[in-house]
PDB file of all heavy atoms in Angstrom:
ATOM      1  N   GLU A   1    -132.724 -94.660-157.349  1.00  0.00           N
ATOM      2  CA  GLU A   1    -133.498 -94.819-158.584  1.00  0.00           C
ATOM      3  C   GLU A   1    -133.556 -96.286-158.984  1.00  0.00           C
ATOM      4  O   GLU A   1    -132.567 -97.021-158.835  1.00  0.00           O
ATOM      5  CB  GLU A   1    -132.838 -94.036-159.723  1.00  0.00           C
ATOM      6  CG  GLU A   1    -133.264 -92.611-159.861  1.00  0.00           C
ATOM      7  CD  GLU A   1    -132.718 -91.999-161.135  1.00  0.00           C
ATOM      8  OE1 GLU A   1    -131.479 -91.949-161.290  1.00  0.00           O
ATOM      9  OE2 GLU A   1    -133.525 -91.588-161.994  1.00  0.00           O
ATOM     10  N   THR A   2    -134.693 -96.678-159.495  1.00  0.00           N
ATOM     11  CA  THR A   2    -134.830 -98.017-160.073  1.00  0.00           C
ATOM     12  C   THR A   2    -134.833 -97.892-161.592  1.00  0.00           C
ATOM     13  O   THR A   2    -135.705 -97.232-162.165  1.00  0.00           O
ATOM     14  CB  THR A   2    -136.133 -98.685-159.606  1.00  0.00           C
ATOM     15  OG1 THR A   2    -136.128 -98.782-158.170  1.00  0.00           O
ATOM     16  CG2 THR A   2    -136.259-100.078-160.205  1.00  0.00           C
ATOM     17  N   LEU A   3    -133.868 -98.485-162.249  1.00  0.00           N
ATOM     18  CA  LEU A   3    -133.737 -98.419-163.705  1.00  0.00           C
ATOM     19  C   LEU A   3    -134.102 -99.774-164.313  1.00  0.00           C
ATOM     20  O   LEU A   3    -133.737-100.824-163.779  1.00  0.00           O
ATOM     21  CB  LEU A   3    -132.320 -98.031-164.094  1.00  0.00           C
ATOM     22  CG  LEU A   3    -131.793 -96.704-163.511  1.00  0.00           C
ATOM     23  CD1 LEU A   3    -130.383 -96.426-164.012  1.00  0.00           C
ATOM     24  CD2 LEU A   3    -132.727 -95.555-163.879  1.00  0.00           C
ATOM     25  N   ILE A   4    -134.827 -99.725-165.405  1.00  0.00           N
ATOM     26  CA  ILE A   4    -135.304-100.943-166.071  1.00  0.00           C
ATOM     27  C   ILE A   4    -134.502-101.187-167.347  1.00  0.00           C
ATOM     28  O   ILE A   4    -134.420-100.329-168.225  1.00  0.00           O
ATOM     29  CB  ILE A   4    -136.802-100.837-166.410  1.00  0.00           C
ATOM     30  CG1 ILE A   4    -137.609-100.421-165.166  1.00  0.00           C
ATOM     31  CG2 ILE A   4    -137.312-102.159-166.971  1.00  0.00           C
ATOM     32  CD1 ILE A   4    -137.522-101.404-164.023  1.00  0.00           C
ATOM     33  N   ARG A   5    -133.920-102.364-167.448  1.00  0.00           N
ATOM     34  CA  ARG A   5    -133.183-102.748-168.647  1.00  0.00           C
ATOM     35  C   ARG A   5    -134.165-103.146-169.753  1.00  0.00           C
ATOM     36  O   ARG A   5    -135.350-103.391-169.491  1.00  0.00           O
ATOM     37  CB  ARG A   5    -132.258-103.929-168.348  1.00  0.00           C
ATOM     38  CG  ARG A   5    -131.199-103.651-167.283  1.00  0.00           C
ATOM     39  CD  ARG A   5    -130.263-104.846-167.174  1.00  0.00           C
ATOM     40  NE  ARG A   5    -129.225-104.640-166.162  1.00  0.00           N
ATOM     41  CZ  ARG A   5    -129.317-105.026-164.902  1.00  0.00           C
ATOM     42  NH1 ARG A   5    -130.438-105.664-164.480  1.00  0.00           N
ATOM     43  NH2 ARG A   5    -128.330-104.806-164.047  1.00  0.00           N
ATOM     44  N   PRO A   6    -133.673-103.233-171.020  1.00  0.00           N
ATOM     45  CA  PRO A   6    -134.552-103.641-172.119  1.00  0.00           C
ATOM     46  C   PRO A   6    -135.191-105.015-171.929  1.00  0.00           C
ATOM     47  O   PRO A   6    -136.296-105.256-172.424  1.00  0.00           O
ATOM     48  CB  PRO A   6    -133.602-103.644-173.340  1.00  0.00           C
ATOM     49  CG  PRO A   6    -132.542-102.645-172.989  1.00  0.00           C
ATOM     50  CD  PRO A   6    -132.350-102.785-171.510  1.00  0.00           C
ATOM     51  N   ASP A   7    -134.505-105.909-171.174  1.00  0.00           N
ATOM     52  CA  ASP A   7    -135.086-107.245-170.988  1.00  0.00           C
ATOM     53  C   ASP A   7    -136.065-107.302-169.816  1.00  0.00           C
ATOM     54  O   ASP A   7    -136.570-108.365-169.465  1.00  0.00           O
ATOM     55  CB  ASP A   7    -133.975-108.286-170.801  1.00  0.00           C
ATOM     56  CG  ASP A   7    -133.149-108.023-169.538  1.00  0.00           C
ATOM     57  OD1 ASP A   7    -133.453-107.050-168.810  1.00  0.00           O
ATOM     58  OD2 ASP A   7    -132.195-108.788-169.290  1.00  0.00           O
ATOM     59  N   GLY A   8    -136.331-106.145-169.204  1.00  0.00           N
ATOM     60  CA  GLY A   8    -137.307-106.090-168.126  1.00  0.00           C
ATOM     61  C   GLY A   8    -136.734-106.203-166.744  1.00  0.00           C
ATOM     62  O   GLY A   8    -137.438-105.969-165.754  1.00  0.00           O
ATOM     63  N   THR A   9    -135.466-106.590-166.617  1.00  0.00           N
ATOM     64  CA  THR A   9    -134.851-106.661-165.294  1.00  0.00           C
ATOM     65  C   THR A   9    -134.496-105.252-164.826  1.00  0.00           C
ATOM     66  O   THR A   9    -134.426-104.307-165.627  1.00  0.00           O
ATOM     67  CB  THR A   9    -133.588-107.531-165.324  1.00  0.00           C
ATOM     68  OG1 THR A   9    -132.642-106.966-166.257  1.00  0.00           O
ATOM     69  CG2 THR A   9    -133.930-108.950-165.745  1.00  0.00           C
ATOM     70  N   SER A  10    -134.267-105.108-163.549  1.00  0.00           N
ATOM     71  CA  SER A  10    -134.002-103.780-162.992  1.00  0.00           C
ATOM     72  C   SER A  10    -132.745-103.787-162.129  1.00  0.00           C
ATOM     73  O   SER A  10    -132.268-104.844-161.693  1.00  0.00           O
ATOM     74  CB  SER A  10    -135.193-103.316-162.152  1.00  0.00           C
ATOM     75  OG  SER A  10    -135.392-104.166-161.038  1.00  0.00           O
ATOM     76  N   PHE A  11    -132.216-102.590-161.896  1.00  0.00           N
ATOM     77  CA  PHE A  11    -131.111-102.422-160.967  1.00  0.00           C
ATOM     78  C   PHE A  11    -131.234-101.037-160.338  1.00  0.00           C
ATOM     79  O   PHE A  11    -131.963-100.167-160.839  1.00  0.00           O
ATOM     80  CB  PHE A  11    -129.756-102.595-161.658  1.00  0.00           C
ATOM     81  CG  PHE A  11    -129.435-101.544-162.689  1.00  0.00           C
ATOM     82  CD1 PHE A  11    -128.583-100.486-162.392  1.00  0.00           C
ATOM     83  CD2 PHE A  11    -129.972-101.618-163.968  1.00  0.00           C
ATOM     84  CE1 PHE A  11    -128.280 -99.521-163.336  1.00  0.00           C
ATOM     85  CE2 PHE A  11    -129.671-100.662-164.926  1.00  0.00           C
ATOM     86  CZ  PHE A  11    -128.824 -99.615-164.604  1.00  0.00           C
ATOM     87  N   LEU A  12    -130.546-100.844-159.229  1.00  0.00           N
ATOM     88  CA  LEU A  12    -130.683 -99.625-158.443  1.00  0.00           C
ATOM     89  C   LEU A  12    -129.442 -98.755-158.553  1.00  0.00           C
ATOM     90  O   LEU A  12    -128.314 -99.250-158.620  1.00  0.00           O
ATOM     91  CB  LEU A  12    -130.931 -99.963-156.963  1.00  0.00           C
ATOM     92  CG  LEU A  12    -132.138-100.854-156.660  1.00  0.00           C
ATOM     93  CD1 LEU A  12    -132.211-101.124-155.162  1.00  0.00           C
ATOM     94  CD2 LEU A  12    -133.429-100.218-157.159  1.00  0.00           C
ATOM     95  N   ILE A  13    -129.663 -97.440-158.579  1.00  0.00           N
ATOM     96  CA  ILE A  13    -128.583 -96.463-158.501  1.00  0.00           C
ATOM     97  C   ILE A  13    -128.891 -95.528-157.342  1.00  0.00           C
ATOM     98  O   ILE A  13    -129.969 -94.926-157.283  1.00  0.00           O
ATOM     99  CB  ILE A  13    -128.450 -95.637-159.799  1.00  0.00           C
ATOM    100  CG1 ILE A  13    -127.985 -96.512-160.954  1.00  0.00           C
ATOM    101  CG2 ILE A  13    -127.469 -94.487-159.603  1.00  0.00           C
ATOM    102  CD1 ILE A  13    -127.797 -95.749-162.238  1.00  0.00           C
ATOM    103  N   THR A  14    -127.959 -95.410-156.410  1.00  0.00           N
ATOM    104  CA  THR A  14    -128.146 -94.527-155.258  1.00  0.00           C
ATOM    105  C   THR A  14    -127.366 -93.235-155.472  1.00  0.00           C
ATOM    106  O   THR A  14    -126.159 -93.262-155.751  1.00  0.00           O
ATOM    107  CB  THR A  14    -127.688 -95.205-153.956  1.00  0.00           C
ATOM    108  OG1 THR A  14    -128.481 -96.370-153.735  1.00  0.00           O
ATOM    109  CG2 THR A  14    -127.847 -94.265-152.773  1.00  0.00           C
ATOM    110  N   HIS A  15    -128.080 -92.129-155.361  1.00  0.00           N
ATOM    111  CA  HIS A  15    -127.465 -90.804-155.522  1.00  0.00           C
ATOM    112  C   HIS A  15    -127.297 -90.160-154.149  1.00  0.00           C
ATOM    113  O   HIS A  15    -128.188 -90.246-153.306  1.00  0.00           O
ATOM    114  CB  HIS A  15    -128.345 -89.894-156.383  1.00  0.00           C
ATOM    115  CG  HIS A  15    -128.657 -90.449-157.737  1.00  0.00           C
ATOM    116  ND1 HIS A  15    -127.915 -90.164-158.859  1.00  0.00           N
ATOM    117  CD2 HIS A  15    -129.668 -91.269-158.144  1.00  0.00           C
ATOM    118  CE1 HIS A  15    -128.456 -90.780-159.910  1.00  0.00           C
ATOM    119  NE2 HIS A  15    -129.517 -91.461-159.504  1.00  0.00           N
ATOM    120  N   GLU A  16    -126.166 -89.523-153.941  1.00  0.00           N
ATOM    121  CA  GLU A  16    -125.945 -88.714-152.745  1.00  0.00           C
ATOM    122  C   GLU A  16    -125.679 -87.280-153.188  1.00  0.00           C
ATOM    123  O   GLU A  16    -124.693 -87.013-153.872  1.00  0.00           O
ATOM    124  CB  GLU A  16    -124.774 -89.245-151.918  1.00  0.00           C
ATOM    125  CG  GLU A  16    -125.080 -90.503-151.136  1.00  0.00           C
ATOM    126  CD  GLU A  16    -124.030 -90.780-150.064  1.00  0.00           C
ATOM    127  OE1 GLU A  16    -123.039 -90.019-150.007  1.00  0.00           O
ATOM    128  OE2 GLU A  16    -124.204 -91.742-149.308  1.00  0.00           O
ATOM    129  N   LEU A  17    -126.584 -86.378-152.803  1.00  0.00           N
ATOM    130  CA  LEU A  17    -126.472 -84.979-153.203  1.00  0.00           C
ATOM    131  C   LEU A  17    -126.440 -84.099-151.964  1.00  0.00           C
ATOM    132  O   LEU A  17    -126.935 -84.482-150.906  1.00  0.00           O
ATOM    133  CB  LEU A  17    -127.630 -84.573-154.107  1.00  0.00           C
ATOM    134  CG  LEU A  17    -127.492 -84.929-155.597  1.00  0.00           C
ATOM    135  CD1 LEU A  17    -127.643 -86.425-155.810  1.00  0.00           C
ATOM    136  CD2 LEU A  17    -128.543 -84.188-156.417  1.00  0.00           C
ATOM    137  N   GLN A  18    -125.876 -82.914-152.136  1.00  0.00           N
ATOM    138  CA  GLN A  18    -125.743 -81.981-151.022  1.00  0.00           C
ATOM    139  C   GLN A  18    -126.529 -80.696-151.281  1.00  0.00           C
ATOM    140  O   GLN A  18    -126.687 -80.264-152.437  1.00  0.00           O
ATOM    141  CB  GLN A  18    -124.274 -81.623-150.786  1.00  0.00           C
ATOM    142  CG  GLN A  18    -123.419 -82.747-150.233  1.00  0.00           C
ATOM    143  CD  GLN A  18    -123.094 -83.825-151.254  1.00  0.00           C
ATOM    144  OE1 GLN A  18    -122.834 -83.517-152.423  1.00  0.00           O
ATOM    145  NE2 GLN A  18    -123.132 -85.079-150.843  1.00  0.00           N
ATOM    146  N   PHE A  19    -126.997 -80.095-150.201  1.00  0.00           N
ATOM    147  CA  PHE A  19    -127.568 -78.748-150.243  1.00  0.00           C
ATOM    148  C   PHE A  19    -127.403 -78.153-148.857  1.00  0.00           C
ATOM    149  O   PHE A  19    -126.857 -78.786-147.950  1.00  0.00           O
ATOM    150  CB  PHE A  19    -129.037 -78.767-150.698  1.00  0.00           C
ATOM    151  CG  PHE A  19    -129.990 -79.357-149.690  1.00  0.00           C
ATOM    152  CD1 PHE A  19    -130.715 -78.542-148.830  1.00  0.00           C
ATOM    153  CD2 PHE A  19    -130.185 -80.732-149.605  1.00  0.00           C
ATOM    154  CE1 PHE A  19    -131.596 -79.083-147.913  1.00  0.00           C
ATOM    155  CE2 PHE A  19    -131.069 -81.285-148.685  1.00  0.00           C
ATOM    156  CZ  PHE A  19    -131.771 -80.455-147.827  1.00  0.00           C
ATOM    157  N   ASP A  20    -127.856 -76.946-148.667  1.00  0.00           N
ATOM    158  CA  ASP A  20    -127.700 -76.274-147.376  1.00  0.00           C
ATOM    159  C   ASP A  20    -129.014 -75.705-146.871  1.00  0.00           C
ATOM    160  O   ASP A  20    -129.968 -75.501-147.647  1.00  0.00           O
ATOM    161  CB  ASP A  20    -126.678 -75.134-147.481  1.00  0.00           C
ATOM    162  CG  ASP A  20    -125.254 -75.599-147.209  1.00  0.00           C
ATOM    163  OD1 ASP A  20    -125.075 -76.389-146.262  1.00  0.00           O
ATOM    164  OD2 ASP A  20    -124.337 -75.172-147.934  1.00  0.00           O
ATOM    165  N   ARG A  21    -129.052 -75.440-145.580  1.00  0.00           N
ATOM    166  CA  ARG A  21    -130.116 -74.676-144.955  1.00  0.00           C
ATOM    167  C   ARG A  21    -129.608 -73.243-144.767  1.00  0.00           C
ATOM    168  O   ARG A  21    -128.396 -73.010-144.705  1.00  0.00           O
ATOM    169  CB  ARG A  21    -130.491 -75.274-143.596  1.00  0.00           C
ATOM    170  CG  ARG A  21    -131.048 -76.691-143.664  1.00  0.00           C
ATOM    171  CD  ARG A  21    -132.345 -76.762-144.429  1.00  0.00           C
ATOM    172  NE  ARG A  21    -133.012 -78.063-144.238  1.00  0.00           N
ATOM    173  CZ  ARG A  21    -134.112 -78.438-144.864  1.00  0.00           C
ATOM    174  NH1 ARG A  21    -134.673 -77.625-145.738  1.00  0.00           N
ATOM    175  NH2 ARG A  21    -134.656 -79.617-144.638  1.00  0.00           N
ATOM    176  N   PRO A  22    -130.501 -72.264-144.664  1.00  0.00           N
ATOM    177  CA  PRO A  22    -130.040 -70.880-144.494  1.00  0.00           C
ATOM    178  C   PRO A  22    -129.397 -70.645-143.136  1.00  0.00           C
ATOM    179  O   PRO A  22    -129.725 -71.310-142.147  1.00  0.00           O
ATOM    180  CB  PRO A  22    -131.327 -70.065-144.648  1.00  0.00           C
ATOM    181  CG  PRO A  22    -132.424 -71.013-144.284  1.00  0.00           C
ATOM    182  CD  PRO A  22    -131.968 -72.355-144.761  1.00  0.00           C
ATOM    183  N   ILE A  23    -128.495 -69.691-143.095  1.00  0.00           N
ATOM    184  CA  ILE A  23    -127.893 -69.228-141.844  1.00  0.00           C
ATOM    185  C   ILE A  23    -128.613 -67.931-141.468  1.00  0.00           C
ATOM    186  O   ILE A  23    -128.529 -66.931-142.192  1.00  0.00           O
ATOM    187  CB  ILE A  23    -126.387 -68.977-142.004  1.00  0.00           C
ATOM    188  CG1 ILE A  23    -125.676 -70.283-142.369  1.00  0.00           C
ATOM    189  CG2 ILE A  23    -125.805 -68.385-140.734  1.00  0.00           C
ATOM    190  CD1 ILE A  23    -124.197 -70.101-142.684  1.00  0.00           C
ATOM    191  N   TYR A  24    -129.331 -67.961-140.362  1.00  0.00           N
ATOM    192  CA  TYR A  24    -130.122 -66.794-139.972  1.00  0.00           C
ATOM    193  C   TYR A  24    -129.226 -65.744-139.318  1.00  0.00           C
ATOM    194  O   TYR A  24    -128.410 -66.051-138.441  1.00  0.00           O
ATOM    195  CB  TYR A  24    -131.233 -67.213-139.015  1.00  0.00           C
ATOM    196  CG  TYR A  24    -132.206 -68.182-139.635  1.00  0.00           C
ATOM    197  CD1 TYR A  24    -132.216 -69.523-139.269  1.00  0.00           C
ATOM    198  CD2 TYR A  24    -133.116 -67.766-140.605  1.00  0.00           C
ATOM    199  CE1 TYR A  24    -133.102 -70.425-139.841  1.00  0.00           C
ATOM    200  CE2 TYR A  24    -134.007 -68.653-141.184  1.00  0.00           C
ATOM    201  CZ  TYR A  24    -133.989 -69.983-140.805  1.00  0.00           C
ATOM    202  OH  TYR A  24    -134.866 -70.868-141.380  1.00  0.00           O
ATOM    203  N   LYS A  25    -129.409 -64.501-139.747  1.00  0.00           N
ATOM    204  CA  LYS A  25    -128.622 -63.383-139.239  1.00  0.00           C
ATOM    205  C   LYS A  25    -129.551 -62.260-138.795  1.00  0.00           C
ATOM    206  O   LYS A  25    -130.228 -61.653-139.631  1.00  0.00           O
ATOM    207  CB  LYS A  25    -127.661 -62.877-140.322  1.00  0.00           C
ATOM    208  CG  LYS A  25    -126.677 -63.946-140.809  1.00  0.00           C
ATOM    209  CD  LYS A  25    -125.698 -63.398-141.820  1.00  0.00           C
ATOM    210  CE  LYS A  25    -124.686 -64.459-142.234  1.00  0.00           C
ATOM    211  NZ  LYS A  25    -123.693 -63.929-143.201  1.00  0.00           N
ATOM    212  N   PRO A  26    -129.607 -62.004-137.484  1.00  0.00           N
ATOM    213  CA  PRO A  26    -130.492 -60.943-136.992  1.00  0.00           C
ATOM    214  C   PRO A  26    -130.105 -59.581-137.563  1.00  0.00           C
ATOM    215  O   PRO A  26    -128.921 -59.223-137.605  1.00  0.00           O
ATOM    216  CB  PRO A  26    -130.290 -60.979-135.473  1.00  0.00           C
ATOM    217  CG  PRO A  26    -129.757 -62.349-135.193  1.00  0.00           C
ATOM    218  CD  PRO A  26    -128.918 -62.701-136.388  1.00  0.00           C
ATOM    219  N   LEU A  27    -131.105 -58.838-138.015  1.00  0.00           N
ATOM    220  CA  LEU A  27    -130.899 -57.491-138.526  1.00  0.00           C
ATOM    221  C   LEU A  27    -131.363 -56.499-137.458  1.00  0.00           C
ATOM    222  O   LEU A  27    -132.391 -56.717-136.802  1.00  0.00           O
ATOM    223  CB  LEU A  27    -131.699 -57.291-139.818  1.00  0.00           C
ATOM    224  CG  LEU A  27    -131.500 -55.960-140.544  1.00  0.00           C
ATOM    225  CD1 LEU A  27    -130.092 -55.886-141.136  1.00  0.00           C
ATOM    226  CD2 LEU A  27    -132.539 -55.793-141.657  1.00  0.00           C
ATOM    227  N   HIS A  28    -130.599 -55.428-137.283  1.00  0.00           N
ATOM    228  CA  HIS A  28    -130.926 -54.403-136.291  1.00  0.00           C
ATOM    229  C   HIS A  28    -131.227 -53.091-137.007  1.00  0.00           C
ATOM    230  O   HIS A  28    -130.592 -52.756-138.016  1.00  0.00           O
ATOM    231  CB  HIS A  28    -129.760 -54.195-135.318  1.00  0.00           C
ATOM    232  CG  HIS A  28    -129.374 -55.434-134.574  1.00  0.00           C
ATOM    233  ND1 HIS A  28    -129.743 -55.674-133.272  1.00  0.00           N
ATOM    234  CD2 HIS A  28    -128.647 -56.520-134.958  1.00  0.00           C
ATOM    235  CE1 HIS A  28    -129.259 -56.836-132.875  1.00  0.00           C
ATOM    236  NE2 HIS A  28    -128.587 -57.376-133.885  1.00  0.00           N
ATOM    237  N   ILE A  29    -132.191 -52.343-136.478  1.00  0.00           N
ATOM    238  CA  ILE A  29    -132.564 -51.043-137.042  1.00  0.00           C
ATOM    239  C   ILE A  29    -132.610 -50.013-135.917  1.00  0.00           C
ATOM    240  O   ILE A  29    -133.108 -50.296-134.823  1.00  0.00           O
ATOM    241  CB  ILE A  29    -133.940 -51.092-137.737  1.00  0.00           C
ATOM    242  CG1 ILE A  29    -133.897 -51.976-138.982  1.00  0.00           C
ATOM    243  CG2 ILE A  29    -134.405 -49.684-138.125  1.00  0.00           C
ATOM    244  CD1 ILE A  29    -135.221 -52.063-139.716  1.00  0.00           C
ATOM    245  N   ARG A  30    -132.103 -48.831-136.202  1.00  0.00           N
ATOM    246  CA  ARG A  30    -132.285 -47.708-135.293  1.00  0.00           C
ATOM    247  C   ARG A  30    -132.670 -46.490-136.124  1.00  0.00           C
ATOM    248  O   ARG A  30    -132.219 -46.336-137.264  1.00  0.00           O
ATOM    249  CB  ARG A  30    -131.029 -47.441-134.468  1.00  0.00           C
ATOM    250  CG  ARG A  30    -129.845 -46.898-135.255  1.00  0.00           C
ATOM    251  CD  ARG A  30    -128.642 -46.706-134.347  1.00  0.00           C
ATOM    252  NE  ARG A  30    -127.518 -46.103-135.077  1.00  0.00           N
ATOM    253  CZ  ARG A  30    -126.297 -45.962-134.568  1.00  0.00           C
ATOM    254  NH1 ARG A  30    -126.038 -46.393-133.334  1.00  0.00           N
ATOM    255  NH2 ARG A  30    -125.330 -45.397-135.285  1.00  0.00           N
ATOM    256  N   LEU A  31    -133.512 -45.631-135.563  1.00  0.00           N
ATOM    257  CA  LEU A  31    -134.010 -44.466-136.299  1.00  0.00           C
ATOM    258  C   LEU A  31    -134.622 -43.464-135.335  1.00  0.00           C
ATOM    259  O   LEU A  31    -134.909 -43.781-134.165  1.00  0.00           O
ATOM    260  CB  LEU A  31    -135.040 -44.883-137.345  1.00  0.00           C
ATOM    261  CG  LEU A  31    -136.413 -45.340-136.822  1.00  0.00           C
ATOM    262  CD1 LEU A  31    -137.466 -45.177-137.909  1.00  0.00           C
ATOM    263  CD2 LEU A  31    -136.372 -46.795-136.366  1.00  0.00           C
TER     264      LEU A  31
END
């Protein structure tokens, strides 16, 4: 992120966030 101070100067903040992808699980059917 670029943040702007009241005097017009800027500084950077780097965020590191986590999330996941799904784990696929095959489903079986019999009938």
